N, C-alpha and C. Protein backbone atom coordinates (compact mmCIF):
# COMPACT_ATOMS: atom_id res chain seq x y z
N MET A 1 87.53 198.97 38.41
CA MET A 1 88.64 199.52 39.18
C MET A 1 89.61 200.25 38.25
N SER A 2 90.20 201.30 38.77
CA SER A 2 91.20 202.04 38.00
C SER A 2 92.56 201.35 38.12
N ASP A 3 93.49 201.77 37.26
CA ASP A 3 94.85 201.24 37.33
C ASP A 3 95.46 201.48 38.72
N ILE A 4 95.20 202.65 39.28
CA ILE A 4 95.77 203.00 40.59
C ILE A 4 95.16 202.13 41.68
N GLU A 5 93.90 201.81 41.57
CA GLU A 5 93.28 200.91 42.56
C GLU A 5 93.86 199.50 42.45
N PHE A 6 94.09 199.04 41.24
CA PHE A 6 94.76 197.75 41.06
C PHE A 6 96.17 197.81 41.64
N LEU A 7 96.86 198.92 41.41
CA LEU A 7 98.21 199.08 41.95
C LEU A 7 98.18 199.04 43.47
N TYR A 8 97.24 199.73 44.08
CA TYR A 8 97.11 199.72 45.54
C TYR A 8 96.94 198.29 46.05
N TYR A 9 96.08 197.54 45.41
CA TYR A 9 95.84 196.16 45.80
C TYR A 9 97.13 195.34 45.67
N ALA A 10 97.86 195.53 44.58
CA ALA A 10 99.13 194.81 44.37
C ALA A 10 100.15 195.21 45.44
N VAL A 11 100.24 196.48 45.76
CA VAL A 11 101.15 196.94 46.80
C VAL A 11 100.80 196.30 48.14
N CYS A 12 99.52 196.23 48.46
CA CYS A 12 99.09 195.63 49.72
C CYS A 12 99.43 194.14 49.78
N ILE A 13 99.35 193.46 48.66
CA ILE A 13 99.74 192.05 48.62
C ILE A 13 101.24 191.92 48.89
N VAL A 14 102.03 192.74 48.22
CA VAL A 14 103.49 192.69 48.40
C VAL A 14 103.89 193.12 49.81
N GLU A 15 103.27 194.16 50.30
CA GLU A 15 103.66 194.73 51.60
C GLU A 15 103.26 193.84 52.79
N SER A 16 102.04 193.33 52.76
CA SER A 16 101.53 192.66 53.97
C SER A 16 100.76 191.37 53.70
N ASN A 17 100.71 190.96 52.44
CA ASN A 17 99.87 189.82 52.07
C ASN A 17 98.42 190.05 52.53
N LEU A 18 98.00 191.31 52.40
CA LEU A 18 96.64 191.76 52.73
C LEU A 18 96.29 191.64 54.22
N ASP A 19 97.31 191.73 55.08
CA ASP A 19 97.11 191.64 56.53
C ASP A 19 97.04 193.05 57.12
N SER A 20 95.85 193.47 57.49
CA SER A 20 95.69 194.84 58.01
C SER A 20 96.28 195.01 59.40
N THR A 21 96.66 193.93 60.06
CA THR A 21 97.26 194.02 61.39
C THR A 21 98.78 193.88 61.36
N ALA A 22 99.35 193.82 60.17
CA ALA A 22 100.80 193.59 60.04
C ALA A 22 101.61 194.76 60.61
N ILE A 23 102.73 194.39 61.23
CA ILE A 23 103.69 195.37 61.71
C ILE A 23 105.04 194.96 61.15
N GLY A 24 105.68 195.87 60.42
CA GLY A 24 106.95 195.58 59.77
C GLY A 24 108.14 195.84 60.66
N LYS A 25 109.30 195.55 60.11
CA LYS A 25 110.54 195.64 60.89
C LYS A 25 110.88 197.06 61.33
N ASN A 26 110.42 198.07 60.63
CA ASN A 26 110.69 199.46 60.99
C ASN A 26 109.44 200.14 61.55
N ASN A 27 108.56 199.35 62.16
CA ASN A 27 107.29 199.82 62.69
C ASN A 27 106.35 200.31 61.59
N ASP A 28 106.55 199.80 60.37
CA ASP A 28 105.59 200.04 59.30
C ASP A 28 104.33 199.27 59.69
N ARG A 29 103.17 199.87 59.43
CA ARG A 29 101.95 199.27 59.97
C ARG A 29 100.83 199.17 58.96
N GLY A 30 100.05 198.13 59.13
CA GLY A 30 98.83 197.95 58.36
C GLY A 30 99.02 197.28 57.02
N ILE A 31 97.93 197.24 56.28
CA ILE A 31 97.87 196.52 55.02
C ILE A 31 98.83 197.09 53.98
N ALA A 32 99.07 198.40 54.02
CA ALA A 32 99.97 199.04 53.06
C ALA A 32 101.32 199.37 53.68
N GLN A 33 101.53 198.96 54.94
CA GLN A 33 102.78 199.18 55.66
C GLN A 33 103.19 200.66 55.65
N ILE A 34 102.32 201.47 56.24
CA ILE A 34 102.56 202.90 56.34
C ILE A 34 103.60 203.16 57.42
N THR A 35 104.61 203.92 57.05
CA THR A 35 105.69 204.23 57.98
C THR A 35 105.26 205.36 58.92
N PRO A 36 105.85 205.42 60.12
CA PRO A 36 105.55 206.55 61.00
C PRO A 36 105.88 207.90 60.35
N ILE A 37 106.96 207.95 59.57
CA ILE A 37 107.33 209.20 58.88
C ILE A 37 106.25 209.60 57.87
N LEU A 38 105.75 208.64 57.12
CA LEU A 38 104.70 208.92 56.14
C LEU A 38 103.42 209.36 56.85
N GLU A 39 103.12 208.73 57.97
CA GLU A 39 101.94 209.11 58.74
C GLU A 39 102.05 210.57 59.20
N ARG A 40 103.22 210.96 59.69
CA ARG A 40 103.43 212.36 60.12
C ARG A 40 103.35 213.32 58.94
N ASP A 41 103.97 212.93 57.82
CA ASP A 41 103.94 213.78 56.63
C ASP A 41 102.50 213.99 56.16
N TYR A 42 101.73 212.93 56.14
CA TYR A 42 100.33 213.03 55.72
C TYR A 42 99.58 214.00 56.65
N PHE A 43 99.80 213.87 57.95
CA PHE A 43 99.15 214.78 58.89
C PHE A 43 99.58 216.22 58.65
N ASN A 44 100.89 216.42 58.47
CA ASN A 44 101.39 217.79 58.24
C ASN A 44 100.80 218.41 56.97
N ARG A 45 100.58 217.60 55.96
CA ARG A 45 100.05 218.11 54.69
C ARG A 45 98.54 218.31 54.72
N THR A 46 97.83 217.42 55.43
CA THR A 46 96.37 217.44 55.36
C THR A 46 95.67 217.85 56.66
N GLY A 47 96.40 217.76 57.78
CA GLY A 47 95.77 218.03 59.08
C GLY A 47 94.90 216.88 59.56
N GLN A 48 94.97 215.74 58.89
CA GLN A 48 94.13 214.58 59.24
C GLN A 48 94.97 213.48 59.88
N HIS A 49 94.51 213.02 61.04
CA HIS A 49 95.12 211.84 61.66
C HIS A 49 94.56 210.61 60.98
N ILE A 50 95.38 209.57 60.87
CA ILE A 50 94.91 208.32 60.28
C ILE A 50 95.28 207.16 61.20
N ASP A 51 94.57 206.09 61.03
CA ASP A 51 94.88 204.83 61.70
C ASP A 51 95.49 203.92 60.65
N PRO A 52 96.80 203.66 60.72
CA PRO A 52 97.43 202.85 59.69
C PRO A 52 96.92 201.41 59.63
N PHE A 53 96.23 200.98 60.67
CA PHE A 53 95.65 199.64 60.67
C PHE A 53 94.27 199.61 60.01
N SER A 54 93.74 200.78 59.71
CA SER A 54 92.45 200.88 59.01
C SER A 54 92.70 200.75 57.51
N THR A 55 92.04 199.78 56.89
CA THR A 55 92.24 199.62 55.44
C THR A 55 91.71 200.84 54.69
N LYS A 56 90.67 201.45 55.20
CA LYS A 56 90.12 202.66 54.56
C LYS A 56 91.13 203.81 54.63
N ASP A 57 91.72 204.02 55.80
CA ASP A 57 92.71 205.09 55.94
C ASP A 57 93.96 204.80 55.11
N SER A 58 94.38 203.55 55.09
CA SER A 58 95.57 203.18 54.31
C SER A 58 95.35 203.50 52.83
N GLU A 59 94.18 203.15 52.33
CA GLU A 59 93.88 203.44 50.93
C GLU A 59 93.83 204.95 50.69
N LYS A 60 93.26 205.68 51.63
CA LYS A 60 93.17 207.14 51.50
C LYS A 60 94.58 207.75 51.40
N VAL A 61 95.49 207.29 52.24
CA VAL A 61 96.86 207.81 52.23
C VAL A 61 97.55 207.43 50.92
N PHE A 62 97.41 206.18 50.51
CA PHE A 62 98.03 205.74 49.26
C PHE A 62 97.53 206.58 48.08
N MET A 63 96.23 206.77 47.99
CA MET A 63 95.66 207.53 46.88
C MET A 63 96.09 208.99 46.92
N TYR A 64 96.23 209.54 48.11
CA TYR A 64 96.69 210.92 48.24
C TYR A 64 98.07 211.09 47.61
N TYR A 65 98.99 210.21 47.98
CA TYR A 65 100.34 210.31 47.44
C TYR A 65 100.40 209.89 45.97
N ALA A 66 99.60 208.93 45.58
CA ALA A 66 99.56 208.51 44.17
C ALA A 66 99.14 209.68 43.29
N GLU A 67 98.17 210.45 43.74
CA GLU A 67 97.69 211.60 42.97
C GLU A 67 98.80 212.63 42.79
N LYS A 68 99.62 212.81 43.80
CA LYS A 68 100.71 213.78 43.74
C LYS A 68 101.85 213.32 42.84
N ARG A 69 101.94 212.03 42.60
CA ARG A 69 103.07 211.48 41.83
C ARG A 69 102.74 211.24 40.37
N GLY A 70 101.53 211.51 39.98
CA GLY A 70 101.15 211.38 38.59
C GLY A 70 100.61 210.00 38.25
N PRO A 71 100.24 209.81 36.99
CA PRO A 71 99.53 208.60 36.59
C PRO A 71 100.40 207.37 36.34
N GLU A 72 101.71 207.52 36.32
CA GLU A 72 102.58 206.39 35.98
C GLU A 72 102.69 205.43 37.16
N ILE A 73 102.17 204.22 37.01
CA ILE A 73 102.10 203.29 38.14
C ILE A 73 103.48 202.86 38.63
N GLU A 74 104.44 202.73 37.74
CA GLU A 74 105.78 202.34 38.18
C GLU A 74 106.37 203.40 39.12
N ARG A 75 106.21 204.64 38.76
CA ARG A 75 106.73 205.74 39.60
C ARG A 75 106.03 205.77 40.95
N ILE A 76 104.73 205.58 40.94
CA ILE A 76 103.96 205.59 42.19
C ILE A 76 104.45 204.47 43.11
N ALA A 77 104.61 203.27 42.56
CA ALA A 77 105.05 202.13 43.36
C ALA A 77 106.45 202.35 43.92
N LYS A 78 107.35 202.81 43.09
CA LYS A 78 108.73 203.04 43.54
C LYS A 78 108.78 204.10 44.64
N LYS A 79 108.02 205.16 44.49
CA LYS A 79 108.01 206.21 45.51
C LYS A 79 107.37 205.71 46.81
N TRP A 80 106.40 204.82 46.71
CA TRP A 80 105.79 204.26 47.91
C TRP A 80 106.85 203.49 48.71
N ASN A 81 107.75 202.85 48.00
CA ASN A 81 108.80 202.06 48.63
C ASN A 81 109.93 202.92 49.18
N GLY A 82 110.15 204.07 48.60
CA GLY A 82 111.22 204.94 49.06
C GLY A 82 112.06 205.44 47.90
N SER A 83 113.36 205.30 48.05
CA SER A 83 114.25 205.75 46.99
C SER A 83 115.47 204.83 46.96
N GLY A 84 116.23 204.98 45.90
CA GLY A 84 117.44 204.18 45.78
C GLY A 84 117.27 202.95 44.90
N PRO A 85 118.34 202.17 44.76
CA PRO A 85 118.32 201.04 43.84
C PRO A 85 117.36 199.91 44.22
N LYS A 86 117.02 199.80 45.50
CA LYS A 86 116.12 198.71 45.91
C LYS A 86 114.69 198.92 45.39
N THR A 87 114.39 200.14 44.98
CA THR A 87 113.04 200.39 44.47
C THR A 87 112.78 199.62 43.17
N GLU A 88 113.84 199.35 42.41
CA GLU A 88 113.67 198.57 41.18
C GLU A 88 113.27 197.13 41.50
N ILE A 89 113.88 196.55 42.51
CA ILE A 89 113.51 195.19 42.95
C ILE A 89 112.08 195.19 43.46
N TYR A 90 111.74 196.22 44.24
CA TYR A 90 110.37 196.34 44.75
C TYR A 90 109.38 196.45 43.60
N TRP A 91 109.70 197.30 42.62
CA TRP A 91 108.81 197.46 41.48
C TRP A 91 108.61 196.14 40.75
N GLN A 92 109.63 195.35 40.60
CA GLN A 92 109.50 194.06 39.91
C GLN A 92 108.52 193.14 40.66
N LYS A 93 108.56 193.16 41.98
CA LYS A 93 107.62 192.36 42.78
C LYS A 93 106.19 192.86 42.59
N VAL A 94 106.03 194.18 42.71
CA VAL A 94 104.69 194.78 42.58
C VAL A 94 104.16 194.57 41.16
N GLU A 95 105.00 194.78 40.17
CA GLU A 95 104.57 194.63 38.78
C GLU A 95 104.09 193.20 38.50
N LYS A 96 104.79 192.23 39.03
CA LYS A 96 104.39 190.83 38.83
C LYS A 96 102.99 190.57 39.40
N VAL A 97 102.75 191.05 40.60
CA VAL A 97 101.43 190.88 41.22
C VAL A 97 100.39 191.70 40.47
N PHE A 98 100.73 192.94 40.14
CA PHE A 98 99.82 193.81 39.40
C PHE A 98 99.37 193.14 38.10
N ASN A 99 100.31 192.61 37.35
CA ASN A 99 99.97 191.97 36.08
C ASN A 99 99.08 190.75 36.27
N LYS A 100 99.30 190.01 37.33
CA LYS A 100 98.45 188.84 37.61
C LYS A 100 97.00 189.25 37.90
N ILE A 101 96.83 190.28 38.72
CA ILE A 101 95.47 190.65 39.09
C ILE A 101 94.82 191.55 38.04
N TYR A 102 95.60 192.36 37.35
CA TYR A 102 95.06 193.28 36.36
C TYR A 102 94.59 192.56 35.11
N TYR A 103 95.36 191.58 34.70
CA TYR A 103 95.04 190.87 33.46
C TYR A 103 94.32 189.56 33.70
N TYR A 104 93.90 189.31 34.93
CA TYR A 104 93.20 188.07 35.26
C TYR A 104 91.88 188.01 34.63
């Protein structure tokens, strides 16, 4: 697995505890908690509809945006979460999980 694939797995653990049927407080959906805004943005950029409850589609969307954000996993994780000071707290959670699974 690549670093980005490990990061995706860590994000899914933090976001939904690997629950592909999860629905978040802001209607974030699926294993990676894809927001409706992100789903629309992905469609506008690619012309492809996705099912946020599909683990395959969730991974496809995550990898699409990860590729656009460059190879630095911290930046990818923070951007997945959004913007602002809370992204540092989010990164600390993801990094802890990432390190556990990456170095296991």
